[in-house]
Amino acid sequence: MTVPRSFQAFAVVFAATFAVAYFVCVYKNYALFTYHPAIYEWGLGVQKPKDGPAMYWFGWMATSGIVAAIVAAVAAWLPEPVTRRLWSGLSWAVPVAVMVVFCYLLRGYFTR
């Protein structure tokens, strides 16, 4: 089975975009939905905690996945000469850079 050339562009752009979109979603709290584990309730969008903590992680992942899928689909439709220039190392370099930024933002938790 042969994988189309557009899949490589889709995969590289998806990985890089997902990491950046996840950072933006966490930093700005753009959650598609909120889960309240104490009362087993899901809510649309960002909601305040109800009778216990609210979990936004699921919503951040969903929002990031949708954004990354849209951007990667657009990249997959680009002509091959454009996508040939796309460095496959972006699929690991961008997520590693985002992890370093998260470590910097959460440095207060590491230095207590």
PDB file of N, CA and C in Angstrom:
ATOM      1  N   MET A   1       0.841  -1.172   0.000  1.00  0.00           N
ATOM      2  CA  MET A   1       0.000   0.000   0.000  1.00  0.00           C
ATOM      3  C   MET A   1       0.888   1.238   0.000  1.00  0.00           C
ATOM      4  N   THR A   2       0.594   2.167  -0.849  1.00  0.00           N
ATOM      5  CA  THR A   2       1.369   3.382  -0.983  1.00  0.00           C
ATOM      6  C   THR A   2       0.652   4.532  -0.281  1.00  0.00           C
ATOM      7  N   VAL A   3       1.403   5.262   0.510  1.00  0.00           N
ATOM      8  CA  VAL A   3       0.842   6.418   1.216  1.00  0.00           C
ATOM      9  C   VAL A   3       0.972   7.631   0.298  1.00  0.00           C
ATOM     10  N   PRO A   4      -0.099   8.385   0.110  1.00  0.00           N
ATOM     11  CA  PRO A   4      -0.005   9.564  -0.759  1.00  0.00           C
ATOM     12  C   PRO A   4       0.952  10.609  -0.178  1.00  0.00           C
ATOM     13  N   ARG A   5       1.549  11.371  -1.051  1.00  0.00           N
ATOM     14  CA  ARG A   5       2.505  12.421  -0.644  1.00  0.00           C
ATOM     15  C   ARG A   5       1.825  13.453   0.258  1.00  0.00           C
ATOM     16  N   SER A   6       0.554  13.690   0.048  1.00  0.00           N
ATOM     17  CA  SER A   6      -0.144  14.693   0.847  1.00  0.00           C
ATOM     18  C   SER A   6      -0.268  14.272   2.314  1.00  0.00           C
ATOM     19  N   PHE A   7      -0.215  12.962   2.591  1.00  0.00           N
ATOM     20  CA  PHE A   7      -0.325  12.514   3.985  1.00  0.00           C
ATOM     21  C   PHE A   7       0.876  12.962   4.802  1.00  0.00           C
ATOM     22  N   GLN A   8       2.063  12.964   4.194  1.00  0.00           N
ATOM     23  CA  GLN A   8       3.251  13.413   4.923  1.00  0.00           C
ATOM     24  C   GLN A   8       3.102  14.876   5.320  1.00  0.00           C
ATOM     25  N   ALA A   9       2.628  15.692   4.411  1.00  0.00           N
ATOM     26  CA  ALA A   9       2.410  17.105   4.732  1.00  0.00           C
ATOM     27  C   ALA A   9       1.355  17.235   5.820  1.00  0.00           C
ATOM     28  N   PHE A  10       0.279  16.449   5.711  1.00  0.00           N
ATOM     29  CA  PHE A  10      -0.779  16.491   6.723  1.00  0.00           C
ATOM     30  C   PHE A  10      -0.226  16.133   8.102  1.00  0.00           C
ATOM     31  N   ALA A  11       0.560  15.056   8.177  1.00  0.00           N
ATOM     32  CA  ALA A  11       1.066  14.582   9.466  1.00  0.00           C
ATOM     33  C   ALA A  11       2.029  15.575  10.102  1.00  0.00           C
ATOM     34  N   VAL A  12       2.933  16.135   9.316  1.00  0.00           N
ATOM     35  CA  VAL A  12       3.908  17.083   9.858  1.00  0.00           C
ATOM     36  C   VAL A  12       3.211  18.354  10.335  1.00  0.00           C
ATOM     37  N   VAL A  13       2.325  18.879   9.517  1.00  0.00           N
ATOM     38  CA  VAL A  13       1.629  20.112   9.885  1.00  0.00           C
ATOM     39  C   VAL A  13       0.691  19.868  11.061  1.00  0.00           C
ATOM     40  N   PHE A  14       0.038  18.708  11.106  1.00  0.00           N
ATOM     41  CA  PHE A  14      -0.856  18.400  12.235  1.00  0.00           C
ATOM     42  C   PHE A  14      -0.078  18.368  13.549  1.00  0.00           C
ATOM     43  N   ALA A  15       1.069  17.694  13.561  1.00  0.00           N
ATOM     44  CA  ALA A  15       1.854  17.578  14.795  1.00  0.00           C
ATOM     45  C   ALA A  15       2.319  18.944  15.282  1.00  0.00           C
ATOM     46  N   ALA A  16       2.817  19.743  14.381  1.00  0.00           N
ATOM     47  CA  ALA A  16       3.321  21.070  14.772  1.00  0.00           C
ATOM     48  C   ALA A  16       2.186  21.986  15.203  1.00  0.00           C
ATOM     49  N   THR A  17       1.103  21.977  14.442  1.00  0.00           N
ATOM     50  CA  THR A  17      -0.022  22.860  14.747  1.00  0.00           C
ATOM     51  C   THR A  17      -0.725  22.443  16.035  1.00  0.00           C
ATOM     52  N   PHE A  18      -0.838  21.143  16.265  1.00  0.00           N
ATOM     53  CA  PHE A  18      -1.500  20.684  17.487  1.00  0.00           C
ATOM     54  C   PHE A  18      -0.771  21.190  18.724  1.00  0.00           C
ATOM     55  N   ALA A  19       0.558  21.128  18.708  1.00  0.00           N
ATOM     56  CA  ALA A  19       1.333  21.574  19.867  1.00  0.00           C
ATOM     57  C   ALA A  19       1.131  23.063  20.121  1.00  0.00           C
ATOM     58  N   VAL A  20       1.180  23.858  19.070  1.00  0.00           N
ATOM     59  CA  VAL A  20       0.998  25.305  19.231  1.00  0.00           C
ATOM     60  C   VAL A  20      -0.434  25.626  19.641  1.00  0.00           C
ATOM     61  N   ALA A  21      -1.400  24.966  19.017  1.00  0.00           N
ATOM     62  CA  ALA A  21      -2.805  25.209  19.365  1.00  0.00           C
ATOM     63  C   ALA A  21      -3.098  24.788  20.797  1.00  0.00           C
ATOM     64  N   TYR A  22      -2.490  23.693  21.245  1.00  0.00           N
ATOM     65  CA  TYR A  22      -2.690  23.256  22.625  1.00  0.00           C
ATOM     66  C   TYR A  22      -2.153  24.296  23.601  1.00  0.00           C
ATOM     67  N   PHE A  23      -0.986  24.860  23.296  1.00  0.00           N
ATOM     68  CA  PHE A  23      -0.433  25.899  24.161  1.00  0.00           C
ATOM     69  C   PHE A  23      -1.370  27.099  24.231  1.00  0.00           C
ATOM     70  N   VAL A  24      -1.877  27.535  23.086  1.00  0.00           N
ATOM     71  CA  VAL A  24      -2.787  28.682  23.064  1.00  0.00           C
ATOM     72  C   VAL A  24      -4.070  28.364  23.832  1.00  0.00           C
ATOM     73  N   CYS A  25      -4.600  27.156  23.665  1.00  0.00           N
ATOM     74  CA  CYS A  25      -5.824  26.760  24.365  1.00  0.00           C
ATOM     75  C   CYS A  25      -5.630  26.741  25.875  1.00  0.00           C
ATOM     76  N   VAL A  26      -4.491  26.253  26.324  1.00  0.00           N
ATOM     77  CA  VAL A  26      -4.223  26.222  27.763  1.00  0.00           C
ATOM     78  C   VAL A  26      -4.008  27.629  28.293  1.00  0.00           C
ATOM     79  N   TYR A  27      -3.222  28.413  27.570  1.00  0.00           N
ATOM     80  CA  TYR A  27      -2.876  29.757  28.033  1.00  0.00           C
ATOM     81  C   TYR A  27      -4.097  30.674  28.078  1.00  0.00           C
ATOM     82  N   LYS A  28      -4.954  30.586  27.064  1.00  0.00           N
ATOM     83  CA  LYS A  28      -6.145  31.443  26.992  1.00  0.00           C
ATOM     84  C   LYS A  28      -7.411  30.747  27.496  1.00  0.00           C
ATOM     85  N   ASN A  29      -7.322  29.464  27.862  1.00  0.00           N
ATOM     86  CA  ASN A  29      -8.443  28.651  28.334  1.00  0.00           C
ATOM     87  C   ASN A  29      -9.570  28.579  27.303  1.00  0.00           C
ATOM     88  N   TYR A  30      -9.207  28.133  26.107  1.00  0.00           N
ATOM     89  CA  TYR A  30     -10.183  27.903  25.044  1.00  0.00           C
ATOM     90  C   TYR A  30     -10.554  26.424  25.052  1.00  0.00           C
ATOM     91  N   ALA A  31     -11.459  26.054  25.922  1.00  0.00           N
ATOM     92  CA  ALA A  31     -11.895  24.660  26.013  1.00  0.00           C
ATOM     93  C   ALA A  31     -13.223  24.499  25.287  1.00  0.00           C
ATOM     94  N   LEU A  32     -13.317  23.464  24.482  1.00  0.00           N
ATOM     95  CA  LEU A  32     -14.550  23.182  23.757  1.00  0.00           C
ATOM     96  C   LEU A  32     -15.651  22.746  24.728  1.00  0.00           C
ATOM     97  N   PHE A  33     -15.248  22.049  25.777  1.00  0.00           N
ATOM     98  CA  PHE A  33     -16.197  21.639  26.811  1.00  0.00           C
ATOM     99  C   PHE A  33     -15.468  21.467  28.134  1.00  0.00           C
ATOM    100  N   THR A  34     -16.238  21.376  29.211  1.00  0.00           N
ATOM    101  CA  THR A  34     -15.721  21.234  30.567  1.00  0.00           C
ATOM    102  C   THR A  34     -16.336  20.001  31.200  1.00  0.00           C
ATOM    103  N   TYR A  35     -15.525  19.287  31.965  1.00  0.00           N
ATOM    104  CA  TYR A  35     -16.020  18.111  32.685  1.00  0.00           C
ATOM    105  C   TYR A  35     -15.960  18.392  34.173  1.00  0.00           C
ATOM    106  N   HIS A  36     -17.050  18.099  34.864  1.00  0.00           N
ATOM    107  CA  HIS A  36     -17.137  18.252  36.321  1.00  0.00           C
ATOM    108  C   HIS A  36     -17.167  16.845  36.925  1.00  0.00           C
ATOM    109  N   PRO A  37     -16.013  16.328  37.365  1.00  0.00           N
ATOM    110  CA  PRO A  37     -15.956  14.930  37.807  1.00  0.00           C
ATOM    111  C   PRO A  37     -16.728  14.642  39.091  1.00  0.00           C
ATOM    112  N   ALA A  38     -16.898  15.624  39.954  1.00  0.00           N
ATOM    113  CA  ALA A  38     -17.600  15.383  41.213  1.00  0.00           C
ATOM    114  C   ALA A  38     -19.076  15.077  40.993  1.00  0.00           C
ATOM    115  N   ILE A  39     -19.656  15.661  39.950  1.00  0.00           N
ATOM    116  CA  ILE A  39     -21.078  15.449  39.685  1.00  0.00           C
ATOM    117  C   ILE A  39     -21.307  14.729  38.347  1.00  0.00           C
ATOM    118  N   TYR A  40     -20.209  14.247  37.717  1.00  0.00           N
ATOM    119  CA  TYR A  40     -20.294  13.493  36.456  1.00  0.00           C
ATOM    120  C   TYR A  40     -21.079  14.260  35.389  1.00  0.00           C
ATOM    121  N   GLU A  41     -20.718  15.500  35.183  1.00  0.00           N
ATOM    122  CA  GLU A  41     -21.452  16.353  34.255  1.00  0.00           C
ATOM    123  C   GLU A  41     -20.497  16.979  33.245  1.00  0.00           C
ATOM    124  N   TRP A  42     -20.942  17.031  31.993  1.00  0.00           N
ATOM    125  CA  TRP A  42     -20.198  17.690  30.916  1.00  0.00           C
ATOM    126  C   TRP A  42     -20.925  18.971  30.566  1.00  0.00           C
ATOM    127  N   GLY A  43     -20.168  20.009  30.253  1.00  0.00           N
ATOM    128  CA  GLY A  43     -20.764  21.271  29.851  1.00  0.00           C
ATOM    129  C   GLY A  43     -20.068  21.827  28.627  1.00  0.00           C
ATOM    130  N   LEU A  44     -20.817  22.522  27.802  1.00  0.00           N
ATOM    131  CA  LEU A  44     -20.271  23.096  26.585  1.00  0.00           C
ATOM    132  C   LEU A  44     -19.502  24.374  26.909  1.00  0.00           C
ATOM    133  N   GLY A  45     -18.311  24.495  26.375  1.00  0.00           N
ATOM    134  CA  GLY A  45     -17.485  25.682  26.597  1.00  0.00           C
ATOM    135  C   GLY A  45     -16.816  25.656  27.970  1.00  0.00           C
ATOM    136  N   VAL A  46     -16.252  26.792  28.336  1.00  0.00           N
ATOM    137  CA  VAL A  46     -15.579  26.930  29.629  1.00  0.00           C
ATOM    138  C   VAL A  46     -16.624  27.289  30.675  1.00  0.00           C
ATOM    139  N   GLN A  47     -16.703  26.481  31.726  1.00  0.00           N
ATOM    140  CA  GLN A  47     -17.660  26.724  32.805  1.00  0.00           C
ATOM    141  C   GLN A  47     -16.914  26.818  34.125  1.00  0.00           C
ATOM    142  N   LYS A  48     -17.497  27.524  35.051  1.00  0.00           N
ATOM    143  CA  LYS A  48     -16.913  27.622  36.385  1.00  0.00           C
ATOM    144  C   LYS A  48     -17.090  26.288  37.115  1.00  0.00           C
ATOM    145  N   PRO A  49     -16.206  25.997  38.059  1.00  0.00           N
ATOM    146  CA  PRO A  49     -16.338  24.747  38.822  1.00  0.00           C
ATOM    147  C   PRO A  49     -17.677  24.667  39.557  1.00  0.00           C
ATOM    148  N   LYS A  50     -18.251  23.470  39.554  1.00  0.00           N
ATOM    149  CA  LYS A  50     -19.510  23.212  40.262  1.00  0.00           C
ATOM    150  C   LYS A  50     -19.267  22.085  41.249  1.00  0.00           C
ATOM    151  N   ASP A  51     -19.383  22.350  42.500  1.00  0.00           N
ATOM    152  CA  ASP A  51     -19.281  21.310  43.532  1.00  0.00           C
ATOM    153  C   ASP A  51     -18.003  20.473  43.370  1.00  0.00           C
ATOM    154  N   GLY A  52     -16.884  21.142  43.223  1.00  0.00           N
ATOM    155  CA  GLY A  52     -15.603  20.463  43.047  1.00  0.00           C
ATOM    156  C   GLY A  52     -14.840  21.069  41.877  1.00  0.00           C
ATOM    157  N   PRO A  53     -13.713  20.504  41.560  1.00  0.00           N
ATOM    158  CA  PRO A  53     -12.908  21.079  40.476  1.00  0.00           C
ATOM    159  C   PRO A  53     -13.512  20.806  39.097  1.00  0.00           C
ATOM    160  N   ALA A  54     -13.191  21.674  38.162  1.00  0.00           N
ATOM    161  CA  ALA A  54     -13.592  21.485  36.775  1.00  0.00           C
ATOM    162  C   ALA A  54     -12.365  21.055  35.977  1.00  0.00           C
ATOM    163  N   MET A  55     -12.578  20.153  35.028  1.00  0.00           N
ATOM    164  CA  MET A  55     -11.476  19.666  34.192  1.00  0.00           C
ATOM    165  C   MET A  55     -11.643  20.235  32.785  1.00  0.00           C
ATOM    166  N   TYR A  56     -10.657  21.021  32.367  1.00  0.00           N
ATOM    167  CA  TYR A  56     -10.698  21.632  31.050  1.00  0.00           C
ATOM    168  C   TYR A  56      -9.840  20.876  30.041  1.00  0.00           C
ATOM    169  N   TRP A  57      -9.032  19.933  30.496  1.00  0.00           N
ATOM    170  CA  TRP A  57      -8.064  19.259  29.639  1.00  0.00           C
ATOM    171  C   TRP A  57      -8.717  18.606  28.425  1.00  0.00           C
ATOM    172  N   PHE A  58      -9.836  17.937  28.623  1.00  0.00           N
ATOM    173  CA  PHE A  58     -10.521  17.289  27.512  1.00  0.00           C
ATOM    174  C   PHE A  58     -10.933  18.318  26.455  1.00  0.00           C
ATOM    175  N   GLY A  59     -11.426  19.428  26.904  1.00  0.00           N
ATOM    176  CA  GLY A  59     -11.829  20.491  25.985  1.00  0.00           C
ATOM    177  C   GLY A  59     -10.653  21.109  25.257  1.00  0.00           C
ATOM    178  N   TRP A  60      -9.530  21.269  25.958  1.00  0.00           N
ATOM    179  CA  TRP A  60      -8.326  21.806  25.304  1.00  0.00           C
ATOM    180  C   TRP A  60      -7.853  20.852  24.209  1.00  0.00           C
ATOM    181  N   MET A  61      -7.875  19.551  24.511  1.00  0.00           N
ATOM    182  CA  MET A  61      -7.441  18.557  23.525  1.00  0.00           C
ATOM    183  C   MET A  61      -8.361  18.561  22.297  1.00  0.00           C
ATOM    184  N   ALA A  62      -9.661  18.642  22.519  1.00  0.00           N
ATOM    185  CA  ALA A  62     -10.610  18.648  21.410  1.00  0.00           C
ATOM    186  C   ALA A  62     -10.452  19.912  20.560  1.00  0.00           C
ATOM    187  N   THR A  63     -10.329  21.050  21.196  1.00  0.00           N
ATOM    188  CA  THR A  63     -10.145  22.302  20.466  1.00  0.00           C
ATOM    189  C   THR A  63      -8.861  22.266  19.649  1.00  0.00           C
ATOM    190  N   SER A  64      -7.784  21.798  20.258  1.00  0.00           N
ATOM    191  CA  SER A  64      -6.497  21.715  19.557  1.00  0.00           C
ATOM    192  C   SER A  64      -6.564  20.739  18.396  1.00  0.00           C
ATOM    193  N   GLY A  65      -7.238  19.628  18.583  1.00  0.00           N
ATOM    194  CA  GLY A  65      -7.370  18.638  17.522  1.00  0.00           C
ATOM    195  C   GLY A  65      -8.143  19.167  16.325  1.00  0.00           C
ATOM    196  N   ILE A  66      -9.207  19.902  16.584  1.00  0.00           N
ATOM    197  CA  ILE A  66     -10.004  20.473  15.493  1.00  0.00           C
ATOM    198  C   ILE A  66      -9.196  21.510  14.725  1.00  0.00           C
ATOM    199  N   VAL A  67      -8.524  22.406  15.452  1.00  0.00           N
ATOM    200  CA  VAL A  67      -7.707  23.434  14.802  1.00  0.00           C
ATOM    201  C   VAL A  67      -6.596  22.789  13.981  1.00  0.00           C
ATOM    202  N   ALA A  68      -5.903  21.819  14.558  1.00  0.00           N
ATOM    203  CA  ALA A  68      -4.794  21.168  13.859  1.00  0.00           C
ATOM    204  C   ALA A  68      -5.284  20.400  12.634  1.00  0.00           C
ATOM    205  N   ALA A  69      -6.428  19.758  12.727  1.00  0.00           N
ATOM    206  CA  ALA A  69      -6.967  19.016  11.582  1.00  0.00           C
ATOM    207  C   ALA A  69      -7.327  19.953  10.435  1.00  0.00           C
ATOM    208  N   ILE A  70      -7.887  21.102  10.753  1.00  0.00           N
ATOM    209  CA  ILE A  70      -8.244  22.062   9.703  1.00  0.00           C
ATOM    210  C   ILE A  70      -6.992  22.601   9.019  1.00  0.00           C
ATOM    211  N   VAL A  71      -6.008  23.022   9.812  1.00  0.00           N
ATOM    212  CA  VAL A  71      -4.776  23.570   9.236  1.00  0.00           C
ATOM    213  C   VAL A  71      -4.031  22.498   8.440  1.00  0.00           C
ATOM    214  N   ALA A  72      -3.974  21.281   8.953  1.00  0.00           N
ATOM    215  CA  ALA A  72      -3.279  20.198   8.252  1.00  0.00           C
ATOM    216  C   ALA A  72      -4.006  19.808   6.971  1.00  0.00           C
ATOM    217  N   ALA A  73      -5.324  19.849   6.970  1.00  0.00           N
ATOM    218  CA  ALA A  73      -6.071  19.541   5.752  1.00  0.00           C
ATOM    219  C   ALA A  73      -5.792  20.577   4.664  1.00  0.00           C
ATOM    220  N   VAL A  74      -5.698  21.829   5.063  1.00  0.00           N
ATOM    221  CA  VAL A  74      -5.345  22.876   4.099  1.00  0.00           C
ATOM    222  C   VAL A  74      -3.939  22.632   3.561  1.00  0.00           C
ATOM    223  N   ALA A  75      -3.011  22.253   4.440  1.00  0.00           N
ATOM    224  CA  ALA A  75      -1.636  21.984   4.006  1.00  0.00           C
ATOM    225  C   ALA A  75      -1.567  20.780   3.076  1.00  0.00           C
ATOM    226  N   ALA A  76      -2.416  19.802   3.284  1.00  0.00           N
ATOM    227  CA  ALA A  76      -2.420  18.620   2.416  1.00  0.00           C
ATOM    228  C   ALA A  76      -2.894  18.948   1.006  1.00  0.00           C
ATOM    229  N   TRP A  77      -3.670  20.005   0.848  1.00  0.00           N
ATOM    230  CA  TRP A  77      -4.164  20.405  -0.459  1.00  0.00           C
ATOM    231  C   TRP A  77      -3.186  21.296  -1.218  1.00  0.00           C
ATOM    232  N   LEU A  78      -2.109  21.709  -0.564  1.00  0.00           N
ATOM    233  CA  LEU A  78      -1.121  22.547  -1.242  1.00  0.00           C
ATOM    234  C   LEU A  78      -0.419  21.748  -2.331  1.00  0.00           C
ATOM    235  N   PRO A  79       0.091  22.411  -3.347  1.00  0.00           N
ATOM    236  CA  PRO A  79       0.799  21.686  -4.407  1.00  0.00           C
ATOM    237  C   PRO A  79       2.071  21.021  -3.887  1.00  0.00           C
ATOM    238  N   GLU A  80       2.468  19.955  -4.555  1.00  0.00           N
ATOM    239  CA  GLU A  80       3.624  19.178  -4.104  1.00  0.00           C
ATOM    240  C   GLU A  80       4.921  19.976  -4.037  1.00  0.00           C
ATOM    241  N   PRO A  81       5.204  20.886  -4.973  1.00  0.00           N
ATOM    242  CA  PRO A  81       6.453  21.652  -4.841  1.00  0.00           C
ATOM    243  C   PRO A  81       6.520  22.473  -3.548  1.00  0.00           C
ATOM    244  N   VAL A  82       5.376  22.905  -3.070  1.00  0.00           N
ATOM    245  CA  VAL A  82       5.348  23.666  -1.806  1.00  0.00           C
ATOM    246  C   VAL A  82       5.556  22.734  -0.625  1.00  0.00           C
ATOM    247  N   THR A  83       4.880  21.600  -0.619  1.00  0.00           N
ATOM    248  CA  THR A  83       4.974  20.684   0.522  1.00  0.00           C
ATOM    249  C   THR A  83       6.300  19.940   0.559  1.00  0.00           C
ATOM    250  N   ARG A  84       6.982  19.871  -0.574  1.00  0.00           N
ATOM    251  CA  ARG A  84       8.279  19.203  -0.602  1.00  0.00           C
ATOM    252  C   ARG A  84       9.305  19.957   0.252  1.00  0.00           C
ATOM    253  N   ARG A  85       9.136  21.256   0.382  1.00  0.00           N
ATOM    254  CA  ARG A  85      10.049  22.081   1.185  1.00  0.00           C
ATOM    255  C   ARG A  85       9.794  21.948   2.686  1.00  0.00           C
ATOM    256  N   LEU A  86       8.715  21.308   3.056  1.00  0.00           N
ATOM    257  CA  LEU A  86       8.334  21.175   4.464  1.00  0.00           C
ATOM    258  C   LEU A  86       9.281  20.214   5.177  1.00  0.00           C
ATOM    259  N   TRP A  87       9.941  20.685   6.201  1.00  0.00           N
ATOM    260  CA  TRP A  87      10.902  19.876   6.948  1.00  0.00           C
ATOM    261  C   TRP A  87      10.147  18.941   7.885  1.00  0.00           C
ATOM    262  N   SER A  88      10.401  17.646   7.787  1.00  0.00           N
ATOM    263  CA  SER A  88       9.696  16.672   8.621  1.00  0.00           C
ATOM    264  C   SER A  88      10.085  16.797  10.094  1.00  0.00           C
ATOM    265  N   GLY A  89      11.205  17.424  10.380  1.00  0.00           N
ATOM    266  CA  GLY A  89      11.627  17.628  11.760  1.00  0.00           C
ATOM    267  C   GLY A  89      10.715  18.567  12.537  1.00  0.00           C
ATOM    268  N   LEU A  90       9.866  19.301  11.839  1.00  0.00           N
ATOM    269  CA  LEU A  90       8.908  20.163  12.539  1.00  0.00           C
ATOM    270  C   LEU A  90       7.965  19.348  13.408  1.00  0.00           C
ATOM    271  N   SER A  91       7.745  18.090  13.031  1.00  0.00           N
ATOM    272  CA  SER A  91       6.812  17.254  13.788  1.00  0.00           C
ATOM    273  C   SER A  91       7.334  16.907  15.176  1.00  0.00           C
ATOM    274  N   TRP A  92       8.615  17.065  15.424  1.00  0.00           N
ATOM    275  CA  TRP A  92       9.146  16.863  16.774  1.00  0.00           C
ATOM    276  C   TRP A  92       9.746  18.142  17.345  1.00  0.00           C
ATOM    277  N   ALA A  93      10.280  19.022  16.506  1.00  0.00           N
ATOM    278  CA  ALA A  93      10.937  20.228  17.011  1.00  0.00           C
ATOM    279  C   ALA A  93       9.940  21.197  17.642  1.00  0.00           C
ATOM    280  N   VAL A  94       8.809  21.386  17.004  1.00  0.00           N
ATOM    281  CA  VAL A  94       7.810  22.315  17.546  1.00  0.00           C
ATOM    282  C   VAL A  94       7.227  21.796  18.863  1.00  0.00           C
ATOM    283  N   PRO A  95       6.817  20.514  18.969  1.00  0.00           N
ATOM    284  CA  PRO A  95       6.333  20.035  20.275  1.00  0.00           C
ATOM    285  C   PRO A  95       7.383  20.114  21.386  1.00  0.00           C
ATOM    286  N   VAL A  96       8.645  19.860  21.064  1.00  0.00           N
ATOM    287  CA  VAL A  96       9.697  19.987  22.083  1.00  0.00           C
ATOM    288  C   VAL A  96       9.821  21.434  22.523  1.00  0.00           C
ATOM    289  N   ALA A  97       9.766  22.367  21.586  1.00  0.00           N
ATOM    290  CA  ALA A  97       9.829  23.786  21.941  1.00  0.00           C
ATOM    291  C   ALA A  97       8.632  24.195  22.803  1.00  0.00           C
ATOM    292  N   VAL A  98       7.462  23.665  22.494  1.00  0.00           N
ATOM    293  CA  VAL A  98       6.274  23.983  23.294  1.00  0.00           C
ATOM    294  C   VAL A  98       6.411  23.401  24.704  1.00  0.00           C
ATOM    295  N   MET A  99       7.018  22.222  24.825  1.00  0.00           N
ATOM    296  CA  MET A  99       7.246  21.652  26.165  1.00  0.00           C
ATOM    297  C   MET A  99       8.185  22.528  26.981  1.00  0.00           C
ATOM    298  N   VAL A 100       9.196  23.081  26.342  1.00  0.00           N
ATOM    299  CA  VAL A 100      10.122  23.985  27.039  1.00  0.00           C
ATOM    300  C   VAL A 100       9.378  25.236  27.497  1.00  0.00           C
ATOM    301  N   VAL A 101       8.513  25.766  26.661  1.00  0.00           N
ATOM    302  CA  VAL A 101       7.722  26.942  27.043  1.00  0.00           C
ATOM    303  C   VAL A 101       6.802  26.606  28.206  1.00  0.00           C
ATOM    304  N   PHE A 102       6.182  25.418  28.195  1.00  0.00           N
ATOM    305  CA  PHE A 102       5.332  25.006  29.319  1.00  0.00           C
ATOM    306  C   PHE A 102       6.148  24.893  30.603  1.00  0.00           C
ATOM    307  N   CYS A 103       7.353  24.361  30.518  1.00  0.00           N
ATOM    308  CA  CYS A 103       8.211  24.275  31.707  1.00  0.00           C
ATOM    309  C   CYS A 103       8.516  25.660  32.251  1.00  0.00           C
ATOM    310  N   TYR A 104       8.728  26.610  31.360  1.00  0.00           N
ATOM    311  CA  TYR A 104       8.977  27.986  31.805  1.00  0.00           C
ATOM    312  C   TYR A 104       7.737  28.569  32.467  1.00  0.00           C
ATOM    313  N   LEU A 105       6.583  28.359  31.864  1.00  0.00           N
ATOM    314  CA  LEU A 105       5.350  28.906  32.447  1.00  0.00           C
ATOM    315  C   LEU A 105       5.012  28.265  33.795  1.00  0.00           C
ATOM    316  N   LEU A 106       5.352  26.997  33.961  1.00  0.00           N
ATOM    317  CA  LEU A 106       5.037  26.279  35.196  1.00  0.00           C
ATOM    318  C   LEU A 106       6.219  26.230  36.153  1.00  0.00           C
ATOM    319  N   ARG A 107       7.194  27.110  35.960  1.00  0.00           N
ATOM    320  CA  ARG A 107       8.404  27.071  36.790  1.00  0.00           C
ATOM    321  C   ARG A 107       8.105  27.254  38.268  1.00  0.00           C
ATOM    322  N   GLY A 108       7.020  27.907  38.602  1.00  0.00           N
ATOM    323  CA  GLY A 108       6.649  28.086  40.000  1.00  0.00           C
ATOM    324  C   GLY A 108       6.373  26.769  40.699  1.00  0.00           C
ATOM    325  N   TYR A 109       5.860  25.796  39.973  1.00  0.00           N
ATOM    326  CA  TYR A 109       5.587  24.489  40.548  1.00  0.00           C
ATOM    327  C   TYR A 109       6.881  23.707  40.792  1.00  0.00           C
ATOM    328  N   PHE A 110       7.912  23.996  39.992  1.00  0.00           N
ATOM    329  CA  PHE A 110       9.173  23.259  40.124  1.00  0.00           C
ATOM    330  C   PHE A 110      10.082  23.874  41.192  1.00  0.00           C
ATOM    331  N   THR A 111       9.883  25.137  41.518  1.00  0.00           N
ATOM    332  CA  THR A 111      10.803  25.829  42.431  1.00  0.00           C
ATOM    333  C   THR A 111      10.235  26.003  43.838  1.00  0.00           C
ATOM    334  N   ARG A 112       9.144  25.400  44.134  1.00  0.00           N
ATOM    335  CA  ARG A 112       8.564  25.533  45.486  1.00  0.00           C
ATOM    336  C   ARG A 112       9.312  24.703  46.479  1.00  0.00           C
TER     337      ARG A 112
END
